[in-house]
């Protein structure tokens, strides 16, 4: 997976498995490579933190926040991207980019669409087939159950915050593990998704609003005039 688009939309796994969103980005927190391997705590020590995260986000039916994302491949960071993310349970999300302007990623609850205006191209997939590394966000689109979605867990301190590391549940998923930087109020400040090729897609979050009013039309995707529509190939199809 060498191009950003390939990393962000190779289709094949369940978009309902992945990672959380949040508020309160500390200015010292930057999107970037995985945090250093500090002393890890046993999985049992992660249980209270997992419970607090689930309690926070299972209350929300809708969610809106600003995000910044950085893709790092072979140690080289690509140009940062940013925008506004809106979620509605169950299964709907909209990533509306202001950098680069016009880029759009939408799930309408059944289909997933990625539009890249510079290519005039729409990549389309069924929701439960998406291999896109935004999938680690999507467990928030239903009932959040981290132990069901991921394999093993460990924690490590980061000042007043805590890193929660979670491994993929199986080797068919496009990512190897995720890392969540969790604030004392159980909001998630940063998410790192480590791909099977050791590429890292990092998100930082700010300006979270829980349960804002959301118009369902945000999740209806219309193909822009002149854009090519292609059906993305799943990992199983590639094999």
Foldseek 3Di string as FASTA:
>chain_A
DPDPVCQQWFWAAFLLFAAAAFADADPVDDWDADDDDDDKDFQVVCVVLLVLLLVVLQVFQKKKWKKKKWKADPNRIDDIWIAMKIAGAAWWIKGQTVVVHPWIWITLNFKIWTADVVQLAIEMETNRGTLGVNSNHNNSNYRDDNVVRFPGWIWDDDDQWIKIKTAGRDPQRQFGIKIFTAHPSSGTAKMWTQGPNRIIMIMGIHDMDGHDDDDSVSRDDDRPPPGHYDYRHHPVNVD
